[in-house]
Every structure is written in C-alpha cells, then in structure tokens.
C-alpha atoms as a PDB file:
ATOM      1  CA  MET A   1     -66.737  27.640  59.031  1.00  0.00           C
ATOM      2  CA  GLN A   2     -65.749  24.253  60.455  1.00  0.00           C
ATOM      3  CA  LEU A   3     -66.670  21.015  58.666  1.00  0.00           C
ATOM      4  CA  GLN A   4     -69.463  19.974  61.038  1.00  0.00           C
ATOM      5  CA  GLU A   5     -70.893  23.512  60.992  1.00  0.00           C
ATOM      6  CA  LYS A   6     -71.057  23.361  57.178  1.00  0.00           C
ATOM      7  CA  ILE A   7     -72.758  19.968  57.274  1.00  0.00           C
ATOM      8  CA  ASP A   8     -75.301  21.110  59.884  1.00  0.00           C
ATOM      9  CA  ALA A   9     -76.112  24.328  58.001  1.00  0.00           C
ATOM     10  CA  LEU A  10     -76.529  22.518  54.682  1.00  0.00           C
ATOM     11  CA  LYS A  11     -78.591  19.769  56.335  1.00  0.00           C
ATOM     12  CA  GLY A  12     -81.102  22.368  57.531  1.00  0.00           C
ATOM     13  CA  HIS A  13     -81.448  23.783  54.037  1.00  0.00           C
ATOM     14  CA  TYR A  14     -81.967  20.349  52.503  1.00  0.00           C
ATOM     15  CA  GLU A  15     -84.701  19.615  55.064  1.00  0.00           C
ATOM     16  CA  LYS A  16     -86.436  22.810  53.911  1.00  0.00           C
ATOM     17  CA  ILE A  17     -86.002  21.814  50.256  1.00  0.00           C
ATOM     18  CA  LEU A  18     -87.711  18.475  50.936  1.00  0.00           C
ATOM     19  CA  ASP A  19     -90.581  20.324  52.621  1.00  0.00           C
ATOM     20  CA  ILE A  20     -90.914  22.730  49.676  1.00  0.00           C
ATOM     21  CA  LEU A  21     -90.975  19.793  47.241  1.00  0.00           C
ATOM     22  CA  GLY A  22     -93.851  18.267  49.227  1.00  0.00           C
ATOM     23  CA  GLU A  23     -91.838  15.350  50.591  1.00  0.00           C
ATOM     24  CA  ASP A  24     -92.086  13.969  54.093  1.00  0.00           C
ATOM     25  CA  LYS A  25     -88.559  14.323  55.455  1.00  0.00           C
ATOM     26  CA  ASN A  26     -89.500  11.873  58.219  1.00  0.00           C
ATOM     27  CA  ARG A  27     -90.413   8.965  55.977  1.00  0.00           C
ATOM     28  CA  GLU A  28     -88.051   6.014  56.193  1.00  0.00           C
ATOM     29  CA  GLY A  29     -86.161   6.581  52.926  1.00  0.00           C
ATOM     30  CA  LEU A  30     -85.588  10.283  53.592  1.00  0.00           C
ATOM     31  CA  ILE A  31     -84.788  10.380  57.305  1.00  0.00           C
ATOM     32  CA  ASN A  32     -81.023  10.731  56.799  1.00  0.00           C
ATOM     33  CA  THR A  33     -81.106  12.201  53.292  1.00  0.00           C
ATOM     34  CA  PRO A  34     -80.513  15.853  54.273  1.00  0.00           C
ATOM     35  CA  GLU A  35     -77.349  14.931  56.158  1.00  0.00           C
ATOM     36  CA  ARG A  36     -76.135  12.590  53.391  1.00  0.00           C
ATOM     37  CA  VAL A  37     -76.667  15.296  50.761  1.00  0.00           C
ATOM     38  CA  ALA A  38     -74.944  17.874  52.978  1.00  0.00           C
ATOM     39  CA  LYS A  39     -71.902  15.606  53.384  1.00  0.00           C
ATOM     40  CA  SER A  40     -71.923  14.965  49.640  1.00  0.00           C
ATOM     41  CA  MET A  41     -71.955  18.692  48.839  1.00  0.00           C
ATOM     42  CA  VAL A  42     -69.097  19.339  51.266  1.00  0.00           C
ATOM     43  CA  PHE A  43     -67.059  16.606  49.543  1.00  0.00           C
ATOM     44  CA  LEU A  44     -67.955  17.823  46.043  1.00  0.00           C
ATOM     45  CA  SER A  45     -66.797  21.343  46.922  1.00  0.00           C
ATOM     46  CA  LEU A  46     -63.527  20.498  48.696  1.00  0.00           C
ATOM     47  CA  GLY A  47     -61.604  22.378  46.007  1.00  0.00           C
ATOM     48  CA  TYR A  48     -62.407  25.723  47.593  1.00  0.00           C
ATOM     49  CA  ASP A  49     -60.243  24.818  50.593  1.00  0.00           C
ATOM     50  CA  MET A  50     -57.210  23.625  48.598  1.00  0.00           C
ATOM     51  CA  ASP A  51     -54.379  25.427  46.794  1.00  0.00           C
ATOM     52  CA  PRO A  52     -53.503  23.756  43.466  1.00  0.00           C
ATOM     53  CA  ALA A  53     -50.228  25.687  43.101  1.00  0.00           C
ATOM     54  CA  GLN A  54     -49.118  24.336  46.472  1.00  0.00           C
ATOM     55  CA  ILE A  55     -49.772  20.793  45.212  1.00  0.00           C
ATOM     56  CA  LEU A  56     -47.564  21.387  42.155  1.00  0.00           C
ATOM     57  CA  ASN A  57     -44.873  23.133  44.187  1.00  0.00           C
ATOM     58  CA  SER A  58     -44.699  20.166  46.563  1.00  0.00           C
ATOM     59  CA  ALA A  59     -43.317  17.924  43.801  1.00  0.00           C
ATOM     60  CA  LYS A  60     -41.248  20.086  41.431  1.00  0.00           C
ATOM     61  CA  PHE A  61     -37.907  18.710  40.346  1.00  0.00           C
ATOM     62  CA  LYS A  62     -35.073  20.195  38.309  1.00  0.00           C
ATOM     63  CA  GLU A  63     -34.727  18.155  35.138  1.00  0.00           C
ATOM     64  CA  GLU A  64     -33.382  18.935  31.677  1.00  0.00           C
ATOM     65  CA  TYR A  65     -36.115  16.955  29.904  1.00  0.00           C
ATOM     66  CA  SER A  66     -37.495  19.183  27.160  1.00  0.00           C
ATOM     67  CA  GLU A  67     -40.028  17.083  25.252  1.00  0.00           C
ATOM     68  CA  MET A  68     -43.766  16.903  25.771  1.00  0.00           C
ATOM     69  CA  VAL A  69     -45.068  15.376  29.016  1.00  0.00           C
ATOM     70  CA  MET A  70     -48.660  14.179  28.712  1.00  0.00           C
ATOM     71  CA  VAL A  71     -51.216  12.986  31.218  1.00  0.00           C
ATOM     72  CA  ASN A  72     -54.161  11.814  29.129  1.00  0.00           C
ATOM     73  CA  GLY A  73     -57.627  10.666  30.038  1.00  0.00           C
ATOM     74  CA  THR A  74     -57.819  11.789  33.666  1.00  0.00           C
ATOM     75  CA  GLU A  75     -61.436  11.349  34.692  1.00  0.00           C
ATOM     76  CA  PHE A  76     -63.119  14.186  36.550  1.00  0.00           C
ATOM     77  CA  TYR A  77     -66.494  15.000  38.076  1.00  0.00           C
ATOM     78  CA  SER A  78     -67.757  18.512  38.714  1.00  0.00           C
ATOM     79  CA  LEU A  79     -70.963  20.433  39.343  1.00  0.00           C
ATOM     80  CA  CYS A  80     -72.303  22.950  36.848  1.00  0.00           C
ATOM     81  CA  GLU A  81     -72.630  26.313  38.546  1.00  0.00           C
ATOM     82  CA  HIS A  82     -75.823  27.089  36.638  1.00  0.00           C
ATOM     83  CA  HIS A  83     -77.930  24.081  37.712  1.00  0.00           C
ATOM     84  CA  MET A  84     -75.690  22.320  40.255  1.00  0.00           C
ATOM     85  CA  LEU A  85     -75.972  19.145  38.209  1.00  0.00           C
ATOM     86  CA  PRO A  86     -72.940  16.982  37.438  1.00  0.00           C
ATOM     87  CA  PHE A  87     -70.752  17.212  34.401  1.00  0.00           C
ATOM     88  CA  PHE A  88     -67.994  14.699  33.939  1.00  0.00           C
ATOM     89  CA  GLY A  89     -65.508  13.357  31.460  1.00  0.00           C
ATOM     90  CA  LYS A  90     -61.811  13.302  30.727  1.00  0.00           C
ATOM     91  CA  VAL A  91     -59.038  15.878  30.922  1.00  0.00           C
ATOM     92  CA  HIS A  92     -55.950  15.671  28.711  1.00  0.00           C
ATOM     93  CA  VAL A  93     -52.927  17.728  29.755  1.00  0.00           C
ATOM     94  CA  ALA A  94     -49.538  18.257  28.146  1.00  0.00           C
ATOM     95  CA  TYR A  95     -46.672  20.532  29.038  1.00  0.00           C
ATOM     96  CA  ILE A  96     -43.161  21.049  27.737  1.00  0.00           C
ATOM     97  CA  PRO A  97     -40.750  21.511  30.651  1.00  0.00           C
ATOM     98  CA  ASP A  98     -38.266  24.350  30.837  1.00  0.00           C
ATOM     99  CA  GLY A  99     -35.873  23.061  33.479  1.00  0.00           C
ATOM    100  CA  GLU A 100     -38.454  21.686  35.915  1.00  0.00           C
ATOM    101  CA  ILE A 101     -40.857  18.754  35.882  1.00  0.00           C
ATOM    102  CA  VAL A 102     -43.592  17.835  38.334  1.00  0.00           C
ATOM    103  CA  GLY A 103     -44.590  14.515  39.875  1.00  0.00           C
ATOM    104  CA  LEU A 104     -47.147  13.058  37.473  1.00  0.00           C
ATOM    105  CA  SER A 105     -49.774  12.390  40.158  1.00  0.00           C
ATOM    106  CA  LYS A 106     -49.920  16.111  40.916  1.00  0.00           C
ATOM    107  CA  ILE A 107     -51.598  16.963  37.606  1.00  0.00           C
ATOM    108  CA  PRO A 108     -54.710  14.837  38.338  1.00  0.00           C
ATOM    109  CA  ARG A 109     -54.767  16.364  41.830  1.00  0.00           C
ATOM    110  CA  VAL A 110     -54.819  19.859  40.334  1.00  0.00           C
ATOM    111  CA  ILE A 111     -57.659  18.768  38.048  1.00  0.00           C
ATOM    112  CA  ASP A 112     -59.634  17.487  41.054  1.00  0.00           C
ATOM    113  CA  ILE A 113     -59.098  20.682  43.046  1.00  0.00           C
ATOM    114  CA  PHE A 114     -60.563  22.857  40.299  1.00  0.00           C
ATOM    115  CA  ALA A 115     -63.293  20.320  39.462  1.00  0.00           C
ATOM    116  CA  ARG A 116     -64.449  20.218  43.085  1.00  0.00           C
ATOM    117  CA  ARG A 117     -65.821  23.744  42.863  1.00  0.00           C
ATOM    118  CA  LEU A 118     -68.969  24.983  41.174  1.00  0.00           C
ATOM    119  CA  GLN A 119     -67.758  25.295  37.598  1.00  0.00           C
ATOM    120  CA  VAL A 120     -68.297  25.827  33.928  1.00  0.00           C
ATOM    121  CA  GLN A 121     -66.205  23.677  31.623  1.00  0.00           C
ATOM    122  CA  GLU A 122     -64.614  26.646  29.901  1.00  0.00           C
ATOM    123  CA  ARG A 123     -63.284  28.116  33.157  1.00  0.00           C
ATOM    124  CA  LEU A 124     -62.142  24.692  34.376  1.00  0.00           C
ATOM    125  CA  THR A 125     -60.045  24.316  31.226  1.00  0.00           C
ATOM    126  CA  VAL A 126     -58.405  27.728  31.655  1.00  0.00           C
ATOM    127  CA  GLU A 127     -57.807  27.316  35.404  1.00  0.00           C
ATOM    128  CA  ILE A 128     -55.944  24.032  34.925  1.00  0.00           C
ATOM    129  CA  ARG A 129     -53.779  25.460  32.117  1.00  0.00           C
ATOM    130  CA  LYS A 130     -53.097  28.697  33.954  1.00  0.00           C
ATOM    131  CA  CYS A 131     -52.105  26.969  37.218  1.00  0.00           C
ATOM    132  CA  ILE A 132     -49.605  24.711  35.438  1.00  0.00           C
ATOM    133  CA  ASP A 133     -48.282  27.671  33.424  1.00  0.00           C
ATOM    134  CA  GLU A 134     -47.810  29.964  36.414  1.00  0.00           C
ATOM    135  CA  THR A 135     -46.399  27.322  38.760  1.00  0.00           C
ATOM    136  CA  LEU A 136     -44.069  25.328  36.499  1.00  0.00           C
ATOM    137  CA  LYS A 137     -43.301  28.080  33.968  1.00  0.00           C
ATOM    138  CA  PRO A 138     -42.944  25.538  31.140  1.00  0.00           C
ATOM    139  CA  LYS A 139     -42.409  26.297  27.457  1.00  0.00           C
ATOM    140  CA  GLY A 140     -46.101  25.606  26.900  1.00  0.00           C
ATOM    141  CA  VAL A 141     -49.218  23.937  28.270  1.00  0.00           C
ATOM    142  CA  ALA A 142     -52.175  22.365  26.483  1.00  0.00           C
ATOM    143  CA  VAL A 143     -55.418  21.254  28.116  1.00  0.00           C
ATOM    144  CA  VAL A 144     -58.401  19.589  26.455  1.00  0.00           C
ATOM    145  CA  ILE A 145     -61.545  18.602  28.340  1.00  0.00           C
ATOM    146  CA  GLU A 146     -64.238  16.342  26.899  1.00  0.00           C
ATOM    147  CA  ALA A 147     -67.368  16.174  29.034  1.00  0.00           C
ATOM    148  CA  GLN A 148     -70.996  15.216  29.264  1.00  0.00           C
ATOM    149  CA  HIS A 149     -73.314  17.622  31.070  1.00  0.00           C
ATOM    150  CA  LEU A 150     -76.349  16.262  32.895  1.00  0.00           C
ATOM    151  CA  CYS A 151     -77.915  19.729  32.720  1.00  0.00           C
ATOM    152  CA  MET A 152     -78.143  19.090  28.941  1.00  0.00           C
ATOM    153  CA  GLN A 153     -79.153  15.433  29.270  1.00  0.00           C
ATOM    154  CA  MET A 154     -81.623  15.375  32.199  1.00  0.00           C
ATOM    155  CA  ARG A 155     -83.320  18.736  31.600  1.00  0.00           C
ATOM    156  CA  GLY A 156     -83.308  21.510  29.024  1.00  0.00           C
ATOM    157  CA  VAL A 157     -82.630  20.146  25.539  1.00  0.00           C
ATOM    158  CA  GLN A 158     -82.355  16.544  26.841  1.00  0.00           C
ATOM    159  CA  LYS A 159     -79.709  15.500  24.316  1.00  0.00           C
ATOM    160  CA  GLN A 160     -78.076  12.237  25.293  1.00  0.00           C
ATOM    161  CA  GLY A 161     -74.464  11.556  24.450  1.00  0.00           C
ATOM    162  CA  ALA A 162     -73.546  15.114  23.466  1.00  0.00           C
ATOM    163  CA  ILE A 163     -69.875  15.711  24.242  1.00  0.00           C
ATOM    164  CA  THR A 164     -68.574  19.214  24.889  1.00  0.00           C
ATOM    165  CA  ARG A 165     -64.895  19.783  24.105  1.00  0.00           C
ATOM    166  CA  THR A 166     -62.899  22.765  25.325  1.00  0.00           C
ATOM    167  CA  MET A 167     -59.236  23.560  24.791  1.00  0.00           C
ATOM    168  CA  ASP A 168     -56.777  26.109  26.150  1.00  0.00           C
ATOM    169  CA  VAL A 169     -53.129  26.328  25.089  1.00  0.00           C
ATOM    170  CA  SER A 170     -50.148  28.548  25.775  1.00  0.00           C
ATOM    171  CA  GLY A 171     -46.553  29.034  24.730  1.00  0.00           C
ATOM    172  CA  VAL A 172     -45.176  26.636  22.154  1.00  0.00           C
ATOM    173  CA  PHE A 173     -48.576  24.961  21.691  1.00  0.00           C
ATOM    174  CA  LYS A 174     -49.970  28.298  20.562  1.00  0.00           C
ATOM    175  CA  LYS A 175     -47.010  29.125  18.291  1.00  0.00           C
ATOM    176  CA  ASP A 176     -46.105  25.716  16.834  1.00  0.00           C
ATOM    177  CA  ARG A 177     -48.979  23.972  15.049  1.00  0.00           C
ATOM    178  CA  ASP A 178     -46.918  20.747  14.795  1.00  0.00           C
ATOM    179  CA  LYS A 179     -46.630  20.524  18.604  1.00  0.00           C
ATOM    180  CA  LEU A 180     -50.350  21.138  19.012  1.00  0.00           C
ATOM    181  CA  ASP A 181     -51.128  18.523  16.351  1.00  0.00           C
ATOM    182  CA  GLU A 182     -48.841  16.032  18.127  1.00  0.00           C
ATOM    183  CA  PHE A 183     -50.834  16.563  21.327  1.00  0.00           C
ATOM    184  CA  LEU A 184     -54.227  16.342  19.629  1.00  0.00           C
ATOM    185  CA  ASN A 185     -53.215  13.205  17.697  1.00  0.00           C
ATOM    186  CA  ALA A 186     -52.091  11.530  20.914  1.00  0.00           C
ATOM    187  CA  ILE A 187     -55.493  12.268  22.466  1.00  0.00           C
ATOM    188  CA  SER A 188     -57.372  10.819  19.490  1.00  0.00           C
ATOM    189  CA  LYS A 189     -55.355   7.592  19.678  1.00  0.00           C
ATOM    190  CA  GLY A 190     -56.373   7.182  23.319  1.00  0.00           C
END
C-alpha cells in the first residue's frame, strides 16, 4: 500500500472512531485531526518498511579493535502493542567486536527501526540484540532498556514513575560476569 493510501485508509477509521466516541468530527478543533493522527501513525510505524540488518551492513568496517564498544542512553519512543499507548526511555547497547565494527550512528538507527513497530519491551530488547549479533557476529552483545509505559501510568494501575528494565545478552556477556558487570556499571554511572 502506498503512503497516501495508508493515510487515507487510516483517516477514515479515525473519523469513525471520533463518531463512536460521540465527538463531532466537524468541529473546529477536530476537522483535521483524523488526517493528523493517520500521518502520526504512519510515522510511528515506519519500522515495518525498513531492514535493520541492511542499516548495519551499510557501515561495517574491518577493524582489529577487541574491547567493548558502548552506545549508552539512546532515547526511544514506541507504541505498546496491547493498548497502542506510548512507552519510552533509554536503550544501552554494548558489543565486543570480532574483526568488524559498525558506524556508531547505525546502532541508534537500528533501535528506531524496531521501536517504530507495535512492540512489547521484552521483544524490542531481544530484536536489537539479535540483529547486532546476527549482522556483526561479535564476541558478544548486551542490551538494556529502561522505559516508562503510559499504559501503566494513564490507565490500568496508574503508577507514575515506574521504570521497567529488560536485558538480553549473548556471547562473552553471558559467559563472563566481569564483562557484564563492566557494562552494567557503565550504565549506572550514566
């Protein structure tokens, strides 16, 4: 489906949603809302049309560096697949190269690609780790995500400030507790 077709189809559904909610879609403040929301949803789901491995492959370089490479505190925004409400926070990524490194900006791009899909935090964590693992084939990858979920804050239990932390590790980070501790200590220092 082409971009404008997606926007038009979503716009029609959002007009119906406003009707169901008892709103007047023709009142001044709502006249363009269905189209704005449709464009927003298309933007927030751009990750479905992108290949994160291709992003990493576009900037791989042979390098004999063999210590930890960390990209800490990358902000992300995603939509919970259960309520389609935002969850957001920071992603911390480390990998230990095995002959190849990647351009540092590519890791946040991979994060954005997976975040711009309907998600759960647990899957997001695994998808980021797995993509880096399979594409770079490093000695190990570690990913930690710390996020706030509006589905917990605006509805449901309504607990403000609750932070959910998920972690997925592979290779040396799974086998060598000192390497994992080095990564986790670096995160805690900010």
